[in-house]
Amino acid sequence: MSQKDHIAVTGRQIAAARTLLGQGQAELAKSASISVPTLKRMEASEGAAAGMANNVRAVISALETAGVEFIPQNGGGAGVRMKVP
């Protein structure tokens, strides 16, 4: 996902990706070097993930490094899936 695409990732996608990995909020927050309240606000946001762009990028990067792929809205709705190993 390119740097500008972080805007298209939703809070629900972040929450779904974290759940897909079986991670708690504290674990993801730690791996992204952000606070748990910041992650909670990000996941609770309607539409695009709310927060400072660098924090959103850090969370997306942590999730992608852990094996998640973000699927952009392409007529069927945005989503997440595990990357093929």
Foldseek 3Di string as FASTA:
>chain_A
DDLVCLQQDALCQLVVLCVVLVHDLCVLCVQLVHDSVQNVQQNPDDGRRDDDSSSSVSSVVSSVVSFKDWAGDDPPHTHIDGHDD
